[in-house]
Amino acid sequence: MKHMIGGHDENNLSYSYSLIEGGLLGDKLEKISYENQFVAAASRGSVCKSSIKFYTVWDYVITEDEIKALIQRSEVVYKAIEAFLLANLDACN
């Protein structure tokens, strides 16, 4: 897989990147762009707000079911990161 870093904003606790080769792209997607921002949670901790944009090849129209499947596969990564951080609270200090 090849990713391209879009940028980061330390003041807004946000970052963006795109998957540009391999992984979930297959032959129907040119790239998938991700934008993430961390905000304080109501109780304590933080919430990651994510936006995902799918760029298709040519005039291919991606279906709602395909989008749901791609998002579910992406969520696996976020769940793994969350589990690691919860198990290693000092990892970010």
PDB file of N, CA and C in Angstrom:
ATOM      1  N   MET A   1       0.839  -1.175   0.000  1.00  0.00           N
ATOM      2  CA  MET A   1       0.000   0.000   0.000  1.00  0.00           C
ATOM      3  C   MET A   1       0.883   1.238   0.000  1.00  0.00           C
ATOM      4  N   LYS A   2       0.417   2.250  -0.686  1.00  0.00           N
ATOM      5  CA  LYS A   2       1.144   3.506  -0.721  1.00  0.00           C
ATOM      6  C   LYS A   2       0.181   4.617  -0.301  1.00  0.00           C
ATOM      7  N   HIS A   3       0.641   5.427   0.656  1.00  0.00           N
ATOM      8  CA  HIS A   3      -0.153   6.551   1.141  1.00  0.00           C
ATOM      9  C   HIS A   3       0.546   7.855   0.789  1.00  0.00           C
ATOM     10  N   MET A   4      -0.245   8.909   0.627  1.00  0.00           N
ATOM     11  CA  MET A   4       0.290  10.245   0.422  1.00  0.00           C
ATOM     12  C   MET A   4      -0.240  11.114   1.562  1.00  0.00           C
ATOM     13  N   ILE A   5       0.674  11.723   2.298  1.00  0.00           N
ATOM     14  CA  ILE A   5       0.284  12.577   3.408  1.00  0.00           C
ATOM     15  C   ILE A   5      -0.226  13.898   2.852  1.00  0.00           C
ATOM     16  N   GLY A   6      -1.422  14.294   3.279  1.00  0.00           N
ATOM     17  CA  GLY A   6      -2.005  15.549   2.820  1.00  0.00           C
ATOM     18  C   GLY A   6      -1.553  16.717   3.670  1.00  0.00           C
ATOM     19  N   GLY A   7      -1.464  16.503   4.953  1.00  0.00           N
ATOM     20  CA  GLY A   7      -1.032  17.552   5.858  1.00  0.00           C
ATOM     21  C   GLY A   7      -1.557  17.307   7.255  1.00  0.00           C
ATOM     22  N   HIS A   8      -1.116  18.175   8.163  1.00  0.00           N
ATOM     23  CA  HIS A   8      -1.608  18.093   9.532  1.00  0.00           C
ATOM     24  C   HIS A   8      -1.692  19.492  10.116  1.00  0.00           C
ATOM     25  N   ASP A   9      -2.557  19.648  11.085  1.00  0.00           N
ATOM     26  CA  ASP A   9      -2.766  20.926  11.750  1.00  0.00           C
ATOM     27  C   ASP A   9      -2.747  20.659  13.254  1.00  0.00           C
ATOM     28  N   GLU A  10      -1.647  20.987  13.888  1.00  0.00           N
ATOM     29  CA  GLU A  10      -1.507  20.712  15.317  1.00  0.00           C
ATOM     30  C   GLU A  10      -2.504  21.506  16.149  1.00  0.00           C
ATOM     31  N   ASN A  11      -2.836  22.722  15.719  1.00  0.00           N
ATOM     32  CA  ASN A  11      -3.776  23.548  16.483  1.00  0.00           C
ATOM     33  C   ASN A  11      -5.182  22.958  16.494  1.00  0.00           C
ATOM     34  N   ASN A  12      -5.593  22.362  15.386  1.00  0.00           N
ATOM     35  CA  ASN A  12      -6.931  21.769  15.291  1.00  0.00           C
ATOM     36  C   ASN A  12      -6.923  20.257  15.498  1.00  0.00           C
ATOM     37  N   LEU A  13      -5.761  19.709  15.836  1.00  0.00           N
ATOM     38  CA  LEU A  13      -5.607  18.266  16.056  1.00  0.00           C
ATOM     39  C   LEU A  13      -6.186  17.463  14.897  1.00  0.00           C
ATOM     40  N   SER A  14      -5.776  17.835  13.684  1.00  0.00           N
ATOM     41  CA  SER A  14      -6.301  17.160  12.497  1.00  0.00           C
ATOM     42  C   SER A  14      -5.170  16.781  11.544  1.00  0.00           C
ATOM     43  N   TYR A  15      -5.466  15.801  10.697  1.00  0.00           N
ATOM     44  CA  TYR A  15      -4.518  15.391   9.669  1.00  0.00           C
ATOM     45  C   TYR A  15      -5.280  14.761   8.517  1.00  0.00           C
ATOM     46  N   SER A  16      -4.635  14.719   7.362  1.00  0.00           N
ATOM     47  CA  SER A  16      -5.265  14.109   6.189  1.00  0.00           C
ATOM     48  C   SER A  16      -4.226  13.306   5.416  1.00  0.00           C
ATOM     49  N   TYR A  17      -4.719  12.277   4.748  1.00  0.00           N
ATOM     50  CA  TYR A  17      -3.857  11.446   3.910  1.00  0.00           C
ATOM     51  C   TYR A  17      -4.725  10.724   2.896  1.00  0.00           C
ATOM     52  N   SER A  18      -4.094  10.190   1.862  1.00  0.00           N
ATOM     53  CA  SER A  18      -4.809   9.445   0.825  1.00  0.00           C
ATOM     54  C   SER A  18      -4.130   8.111   0.581  1.00  0.00           C
ATOM     55  N   LEU A  19      -4.940   7.095   0.379  1.00  0.00           N
ATOM     56  CA  LEU A  19      -4.453   5.797  -0.084  1.00  0.00           C
ATOM     57  C   LEU A  19      -4.414   5.907  -1.600  1.00  0.00           C
ATOM     58  N   ILE A  20      -3.215   5.783  -2.192  1.00  0.00           N
ATOM     59  CA  ILE A  20      -3.088   6.015  -3.631  1.00  0.00           C
ATOM     60  C   ILE A  20      -2.653   4.780  -4.411  1.00  0.00           C
ATOM     61  N   GLU A  21      -2.320   3.699  -3.688  1.00  0.00           N
ATOM     62  CA  GLU A  21      -1.895   2.484  -4.389  1.00  0.00           C
ATOM     63  C   GLU A  21      -2.094   1.269  -3.490  1.00  0.00           C
ATOM     64  N   GLY A  22      -2.690   0.219  -4.056  1.00  0.00           N
ATOM     65  CA  GLY A  22      -2.852  -1.044  -3.336  1.00  0.00           C
ATOM     66  C   GLY A  22      -4.003  -1.027  -2.347  1.00  0.00           C
ATOM     67  N   GLY A  23      -3.956  -1.953  -1.418  1.00  0.00           N
ATOM     68  CA  GLY A  23      -4.951  -2.025  -0.355  1.00  0.00           C
ATOM     69  C   GLY A  23      -6.375  -2.166  -0.857  1.00  0.00           C
ATOM     70  N   LEU A  24      -7.243  -1.294  -0.418  1.00  0.00           N
ATOM     71  CA  LEU A  24      -8.669  -1.346  -0.724  1.00  0.00           C
ATOM     72  C   LEU A  24      -9.035  -0.835  -2.114  1.00  0.00           C
ATOM     73  N   LEU A  25      -8.083  -0.291  -2.861  1.00  0.00           N
ATOM     74  CA  LEU A  25      -8.414   0.384  -4.118  1.00  0.00           C
ATOM     75  C   LEU A  25      -8.965  -0.542  -5.197  1.00  0.00           C
ATOM     76  N   GLY A  26      -8.378  -1.704  -5.358  1.00  0.00           N
ATOM     77  CA  GLY A  26      -8.827  -2.596  -6.424  1.00  0.00           C
ATOM     78  C   GLY A  26      -8.681  -1.928  -7.779  1.00  0.00           C
ATOM     79  N   ASP A  27      -9.581  -2.240  -8.713  1.00  0.00           N
ATOM     80  CA  ASP A  27      -9.497  -1.656 -10.053  1.00  0.00           C
ATOM     81  C   ASP A  27     -10.581  -0.613 -10.305  1.00  0.00           C
ATOM     82  N   LYS A  28     -11.369  -0.263  -9.279  1.00  0.00           N
ATOM     83  CA  LYS A  28     -12.467   0.689  -9.449  1.00  0.00           C
ATOM     84  C   LYS A  28     -12.219   2.036  -8.778  1.00  0.00           C
ATOM     85  N   LEU A  29     -11.216   2.085  -7.902  1.00  0.00           N
ATOM     86  CA  LEU A  29     -10.940   3.317  -7.177  1.00  0.00           C
ATOM     87  C   LEU A  29      -9.561   3.857  -7.523  1.00  0.00           C
ATOM     88  N   GLU A  30      -9.509   5.157  -7.790  1.00  0.00           N
ATOM     89  CA  GLU A  30      -8.238   5.836  -8.050  1.00  0.00           C
ATOM     90  C   GLU A  30      -7.517   6.096  -6.732  1.00  0.00           C
ATOM     91  N   LYS A  31      -8.271   6.595  -5.741  1.00  0.00           N
ATOM     92  CA  LYS A  31      -7.708   6.859  -4.419  1.00  0.00           C
ATOM     93  C   LYS A  31      -8.840   6.998  -3.410  1.00  0.00           C
ATOM     94  N   ILE A  32      -8.460   6.904  -2.142  1.00  0.00           N
ATOM     95  CA  ILE A  32      -9.377   7.154  -1.035  1.00  0.00           C
ATOM     96  C   ILE A  32      -8.698   8.186  -0.149  1.00  0.00           C
ATOM     97  N   SER A  33      -9.381   9.307   0.104  1.00  0.00           N
ATOM     98  CA  SER A  33      -8.812  10.362   0.945  1.00  0.00           C
ATOM     99  C   SER A  33      -9.495  10.372   2.305  1.00  0.00           C
ATOM    100  N   TYR A  34      -8.672  10.504   3.336  1.00  0.00           N
ATOM    101  CA  TYR A  34      -9.153  10.495   4.714  1.00  0.00           C
ATOM    102  C   TYR A  34      -8.801  11.823   5.380  1.00  0.00           C
ATOM    103  N   GLU A  35      -9.752  12.395   6.106  1.00  0.00           N
ATOM    104  CA  GLU A  35      -9.502  13.571   6.937  1.00  0.00           C
ATOM    105  C   GLU A  35      -9.970  13.223   8.341  1.00  0.00           C
ATOM    106  N   ASN A  36      -9.109  13.421   9.317  1.00  0.00           N
ATOM    107  CA  ASN A  36      -9.420  13.074  10.701  1.00  0.00           C
ATOM    108  C   ASN A  36      -9.149  14.260  11.609  1.00  0.00           C
ATOM    109  N   GLN A  37     -10.046  14.454  12.574  1.00  0.00           N
ATOM    110  CA  GLN A  37      -9.857  15.491  13.580  1.00  0.00           C
ATOM    111  C   GLN A  37     -10.234  14.913  14.939  1.00  0.00           C
ATOM    112  N   PHE A  38      -9.404  15.197  15.926  1.00  0.00           N
ATOM    113  CA  PHE A  38      -9.671  14.741  17.284  1.00  0.00           C
ATOM    114  C   PHE A  38     -10.253  15.895  18.085  1.00  0.00           C
ATOM    115  N   VAL A  39     -11.371  15.626  18.764  1.00  0.00           N
ATOM    116  CA  VAL A  39     -12.032  16.632  19.596  1.00  0.00           C
ATOM    117  C   VAL A  39     -12.271  16.031  20.978  1.00  0.00           C
ATOM    118  N   ALA A  40     -12.386  16.906  21.968  1.00  0.00           N
ATOM    119  CA  ALA A  40     -12.626  16.439  23.334  1.00  0.00           C
ATOM    120  C   ALA A  40     -13.991  15.779  23.428  1.00  0.00           C
ATOM    121  N   ALA A  41     -14.050  14.675  24.150  1.00  0.00           N
ATOM    122  CA  ALA A  41     -15.315  13.969  24.373  1.00  0.00           C
ATOM    123  C   ALA A  41     -16.067  14.639  25.517  1.00  0.00           C
ATOM    124  N   ALA A  42     -17.375  14.412  25.577  1.00  0.00           N
ATOM    125  CA  ALA A  42     -18.210  15.015  26.611  1.00  0.00           C
ATOM    126  C   ALA A  42     -17.764  14.583  28.007  1.00  0.00           C
ATOM    127  N   SER A  43     -17.454  13.318  28.172  1.00  0.00           N
ATOM    128  CA  SER A  43     -17.040  12.835  29.491  1.00  0.00           C
ATOM    129  C   SER A  43     -15.553  13.110  29.687  1.00  0.00           C
ATOM    130  N   ARG A  44     -14.726  12.303  29.066  1.00  0.00           N
ATOM    131  CA  ARG A  44     -13.281  12.528  29.070  1.00  0.00           C
ATOM    132  C   ARG A  44     -12.701  11.756  27.901  1.00  0.00           C
ATOM    133  N   GLY A  45     -11.488  12.051  27.578  1.00  0.00           N
ATOM    134  CA  GLY A  45     -10.900  11.409  26.416  1.00  0.00           C
ATOM    135  C   GLY A  45     -11.153  12.226  25.164  1.00  0.00           C
ATOM    136  N   SER A  46     -11.187  11.558  24.027  1.00  0.00           N
ATOM    137  CA  SER A  46     -11.380  12.262  22.761  1.00  0.00           C
ATOM    138  C   SER A  46     -12.186  11.412  21.789  1.00  0.00           C
ATOM    139  N   VAL A  47     -12.671  12.089  20.769  1.00  0.00           N
ATOM    140  CA  VAL A  47     -13.435  11.453  19.696  1.00  0.00           C
ATOM    141  C   VAL A  47     -12.738  11.795  18.389  1.00  0.00           C
ATOM    142  N   CYS A  48     -12.615  10.817  17.513  1.00  0.00           N
ATOM    143  CA  CYS A  48     -12.030  11.053  16.197  1.00  0.00           C
ATOM    144  C   CYS A  48     -13.162  11.223  15.193  1.00  0.00           C
ATOM    145  N   LYS A  49     -13.256  12.418  14.610  1.00  0.00           N
ATOM    146  CA  LYS A  49     -14.241  12.668  13.561  1.00  0.00           C
ATOM    147  C   LYS A  49     -13.550  12.434  12.224  1.00  0.00           C
ATOM    148  N   SER A  50     -14.128  11.561  11.413  1.00  0.00           N
ATOM    149  CA  SER A  50     -13.493  11.175  10.152  1.00  0.00           C
ATOM    150  C   SER A  50     -14.371  11.488   8.959  1.00  0.00           C
ATOM    151  N   SER A  51     -13.716  11.845   7.882  1.00  0.00           N
ATOM    152  CA  SER A  51     -14.378  12.052   6.601  1.00  0.00           C
ATOM    153  C   SER A  51     -13.597  11.241   5.569  1.00  0.00           C
ATOM    154  N   ILE A  52     -14.318  10.472   4.767  1.00  0.00           N
ATOM    155  CA  ILE A  52     -13.676   9.649   3.742  1.00  0.00           C
ATOM    156  C   ILE A  52     -14.269  10.011   2.388  1.00  0.00           C
ATOM    157  N   LYS A  53     -13.395  10.277   1.413  1.00  0.00           N
ATOM    158  CA  LYS A  53     -13.836  10.573   0.046  1.00  0.00           C
ATOM    159  C   LYS A  53     -13.284   9.504  -0.882  1.00  0.00           C
ATOM    160  N   PHE A  54     -14.165   8.956  -1.707  1.00  0.00           N
ATOM    161  CA  PHE A  54     -13.787   7.917  -2.656  1.00  0.00           C
ATOM    162  C   PHE A  54     -13.710   8.521  -4.054  1.00  0.00           C
ATOM    163  N   TYR A  55     -12.589   8.328  -4.730  1.00  0.00           N
ATOM    164  CA  TYR A  55     -12.389   8.814  -6.092  1.00  0.00           C
ATOM    165  C   TYR A  55     -12.348   7.603  -7.015  1.00  0.00           C
ATOM    166  N   THR A  56     -13.348   7.497  -7.874  1.00  0.00           N
ATOM    167  CA  THR A  56     -13.462   6.320  -8.736  1.00  0.00           C
ATOM    168  C   THR A  56     -12.691   6.498 -10.039  1.00  0.00           C
ATOM    169  N   VAL A  57     -12.411   5.378 -10.679  1.00  0.00           N
ATOM    170  CA  VAL A  57     -11.747   5.365 -11.978  1.00  0.00           C
ATOM    171  C   VAL A  57     -12.804   5.622 -13.048  1.00  0.00           C
ATOM    172  N   TRP A  58     -12.468   6.470 -13.983  1.00  0.00           N
ATOM    173  CA  TRP A  58     -13.342   6.813 -15.102  1.00  0.00           C
ATOM    174  C   TRP A  58     -14.704   7.244 -14.602  1.00  0.00           C
ATOM    175  N   ASP A  59     -15.758   6.670 -15.123  1.00  0.00           N
ATOM    176  CA  ASP A  59     -17.110   7.087 -14.727  1.00  0.00           C
ATOM    177  C   ASP A  59     -17.802   6.037 -13.864  1.00  0.00           C
ATOM    178  N   TYR A  60     -17.007   5.193 -13.206  1.00  0.00           N
ATOM    179  CA  TYR A  60     -17.580   4.148 -12.358  1.00  0.00           C
ATOM    180  C   TYR A  60     -18.368   4.793 -11.219  1.00  0.00           C
ATOM    181  N   VAL A  61     -19.560   4.285 -10.969  1.00  0.00           N
ATOM    182  CA  VAL A  61     -20.394   4.774  -9.873  1.00  0.00           C
ATOM    183  C   VAL A  61     -20.349   3.739  -8.752  1.00  0.00           C
ATOM    184  N   ILE A  62     -19.807   4.151  -7.629  1.00  0.00           N
ATOM    185  CA  ILE A  62     -19.675   3.247  -6.489  1.00  0.00           C
ATOM    186  C   ILE A  62     -21.030   3.114  -5.788  1.00  0.00           C
ATOM    187  N   THR A  63     -21.381   1.900  -5.408  1.00  0.00           N
ATOM    188  CA  THR A  63     -22.683   1.660  -4.783  1.00  0.00           C
ATOM    189  C   THR A  63     -22.609   1.904  -3.276  1.00  0.00           C
ATOM    190  N   GLU A  64     -23.767   2.094  -2.679  1.00  0.00           N
ATOM    191  CA  GLU A  64     -23.857   2.289  -1.232  1.00  0.00           C
ATOM    192  C   GLU A  64     -23.298   1.075  -0.478  1.00  0.00           C
ATOM    193  N   ASP A  65     -23.577  -0.119  -0.978  1.00  0.00           N
ATOM    194  CA  ASP A  65     -23.062  -1.335  -0.341  1.00  0.00           C
ATOM    195  C   ASP A  65     -21.537  -1.398  -0.404  1.00  0.00           C
ATOM    196  N   GLU A  66     -20.949  -0.968  -1.524  1.00  0.00           N
ATOM    197  CA  GLU A  66     -19.489  -0.948  -1.645  1.00  0.00           C
ATOM    198  C   GLU A  66     -18.887   0.059  -0.666  1.00  0.00           C
ATOM    199  N   ILE A  67     -19.534   1.210  -0.537  1.00  0.00           N
ATOM    200  CA  ILE A  67     -19.056   2.230   0.403  1.00  0.00           C
ATOM    201  C   ILE A  67     -19.091   1.688   1.828  1.00  0.00           C
ATOM    202  N   LYS A  68     -20.197   1.062   2.203  1.00  0.00           N
ATOM    203  CA  LYS A  68     -20.319   0.493   3.550  1.00  0.00           C
ATOM    204  C   LYS A  68     -19.231  -0.544   3.813  1.00  0.00           C
ATOM    205  N   ALA A  69     -18.964  -1.405   2.837  1.00  0.00           N
ATOM    206  CA  ALA A  69     -17.936  -2.440   2.997  1.00  0.00           C
ATOM    207  C   ALA A  69     -16.551  -1.815   3.151  1.00  0.00           C
ATOM    208  N   LEU A  70     -16.250  -0.784   2.366  1.00  0.00           N
ATOM    209  CA  LEU A  70     -14.949  -0.118   2.458  1.00  0.00           C
ATOM    210  C   LEU A  70     -14.783   0.577   3.805  1.00  0.00           C
ATOM    211  N   ILE A  71     -15.845   1.213   4.284  1.00  0.00           N
ATOM    212  CA  ILE A  71     -15.786   1.887   5.582  1.00  0.00           C
ATOM    213  C   ILE A  71     -15.581   0.868   6.699  1.00  0.00           C
ATOM    214  N   GLN A  72     -16.278  -0.252   6.632  1.00  0.00           N
ATOM    215  CA  GLN A  72     -16.113  -1.291   7.657  1.00  0.00           C
ATOM    216  C   GLN A  72     -14.675  -1.800   7.686  1.00  0.00           C
ATOM    217  N   ARG A  73     -14.076  -1.963   6.525  1.00  0.00           N
ATOM    218  CA  ARG A  73     -12.686  -2.433   6.473  1.00  0.00           C
ATOM    219  C   ARG A  73     -11.735  -1.376   7.030  1.00  0.00           C
ATOM    220  N   SER A  74     -12.039  -0.098   6.799  1.00  0.00           N
ATOM    221  CA  SER A  74     -11.213   0.978   7.345  1.00  0.00           C
ATOM    222  C   SER A  74     -11.342   1.051   8.864  1.00  0.00           C
ATOM    223  N   GLU A  75     -12.538   0.774   9.377  1.00  0.00           N
ATOM    224  CA  GLU A  75     -12.774   0.847  10.819  1.00  0.00           C
ATOM    225  C   GLU A  75     -11.930  -0.161  11.591  1.00  0.00           C
ATOM    226  N   VAL A  76     -11.554  -1.252  10.959  1.00  0.00           N
ATOM    227  CA  VAL A  76     -10.717  -2.260  11.619  1.00  0.00           C
ATOM    228  C   VAL A  76      -9.407  -1.626  12.090  1.00  0.00           C
ATOM    229  N   VAL A  77      -8.833  -0.762  11.270  1.00  0.00           N
ATOM    230  CA  VAL A  77      -7.579  -0.099  11.625  1.00  0.00           C
ATOM    231  C   VAL A  77      -7.791   0.812  12.831  1.00  0.00           C
ATOM    232  N   TYR A  78      -8.860   1.604  12.812  1.00  0.00           N
ATOM    233  CA  TYR A  78      -9.130   2.522  13.914  1.00  0.00           C
ATOM    234  C   TYR A  78      -9.393   1.770  15.219  1.00  0.00           C
ATOM    235  N   LYS A  79     -10.085   0.655  15.142  1.00  0.00           N
ATOM    236  CA  LYS A  79     -10.357  -0.159  16.337  1.00  0.00           C
ATOM    237  C   LYS A  79      -9.054  -0.718  16.912  1.00  0.00           C
ATOM    238  N   ALA A  80      -8.136  -1.123  16.045  1.00  0.00           N
ATOM    239  CA  ALA A  80      -6.845  -1.644  16.505  1.00  0.00           C
ATOM    240  C   ALA A  80      -6.034  -0.543  17.190  1.00  0.00           C
ATOM    241  N   ILE A  81      -6.036   0.654  16.614  1.00  0.00           N
ATOM    242  CA  ILE A  81      -5.321   1.781  17.219  1.00  0.00           C
ATOM    243  C   ILE A  81      -5.938   2.126  18.567  1.00  0.00           C
ATOM    244  N   GLU A  82      -7.266   2.176  18.621  1.00  0.00           N
ATOM    245  CA  GLU A  82      -7.960   2.477  19.871  1.00  0.00           C
ATOM    246  C   GLU A  82      -7.607   1.451  20.949  1.00  0.00           C
ATOM    247  N   ALA A  83      -7.625   0.178  20.607  1.00  0.00           N
ATOM    248  CA  ALA A  83      -7.303  -0.881  21.569  1.00  0.00           C
ATOM    249  C   ALA A  83      -5.875  -0.726  22.086  1.00  0.00           C
ATOM    250  N   PHE A  84      -4.943  -0.416  21.179  1.00  0.00           N
ATOM    251  CA  PHE A  84      -3.556  -0.221  21.593  1.00  0.00           C
ATOM    252  C   PHE A  84      -3.435   0.955  22.552  1.00  0.00           C
ATOM    253  N   LEU A  85      -4.051   2.091  22.205  1.00  0.00           N
ATOM    254  CA  LEU A  85      -3.939   3.282  23.047  1.00  0.00           C
ATOM    255  C   LEU A  85      -4.583   3.079  24.415  1.00  0.00           C
ATOM    256  N   LEU A  86      -5.717   2.396  24.457  1.00  0.00           N
ATOM    257  CA  LEU A  86      -6.364   2.131  25.744  1.00  0.00           C
ATOM    258  C   LEU A  86      -5.529   1.192  26.614  1.00  0.00           C
ATOM    259  N   ALA A  87      -4.822   0.272  25.980  1.00  0.00           N
ATOM    260  CA  ALA A  87      -3.972  -0.659  26.724  1.00  0.00           C
ATOM    261  C   ALA A  87      -2.630  -0.036  27.110  1.00  0.00           C
ATOM    262  N   ASN A  88      -2.256   1.054  26.446  1.00  0.00           N
ATOM    263  CA  ASN A  88      -0.962   1.712  26.667  1.00  0.00           C
ATOM    264  C   ASN A  88      -1.178   3.212  26.827  1.00  0.00           C
ATOM    265  N   LEU A  89      -1.793   3.611  27.928  1.00  0.00           N
ATOM    266  CA  LEU A  89      -2.178   5.011  28.124  1.00  0.00           C
ATOM    267  C   LEU A  89      -1.000   5.982  28.084  1.00  0.00           C
ATOM    268  N   ASP A  90       0.191   5.528  28.372  1.00  0.00           N
ATOM    269  CA  ASP A  90       1.366   6.405  28.351  1.00  0.00           C
ATOM    270  C   ASP A  90       2.030   6.470  26.982  1.00  0.00           C
ATOM    271  N   ALA A  91       1.486   5.806  25.984  1.00  0.00           N
ATOM    272  CA  ALA A  91       2.110   5.743  24.658  1.00  0.00           C
ATOM    273  C   ALA A  91       2.230   7.111  24.004  1.00  0.00           C
ATOM    274  N   CYS A  92       1.349   8.030  24.327  1.00  0.00           N
ATOM    275  CA  CYS A  92       1.358   9.348  23.674  1.00  0.00           C
ATOM    276  C   CYS A  92       1.999  10.430  24.527  1.00  0.00           C
ATOM    277  N   ASN A  93       2.483  10.101  25.682  1.00  0.00           N
ATOM    278  CA  ASN A  93       3.089  11.118  26.555  1.00  0.00           C
ATOM    279  C   ASN A  93       4.552  11.285  26.280  1.00  0.00           C
TER     280      ASN A  93
END
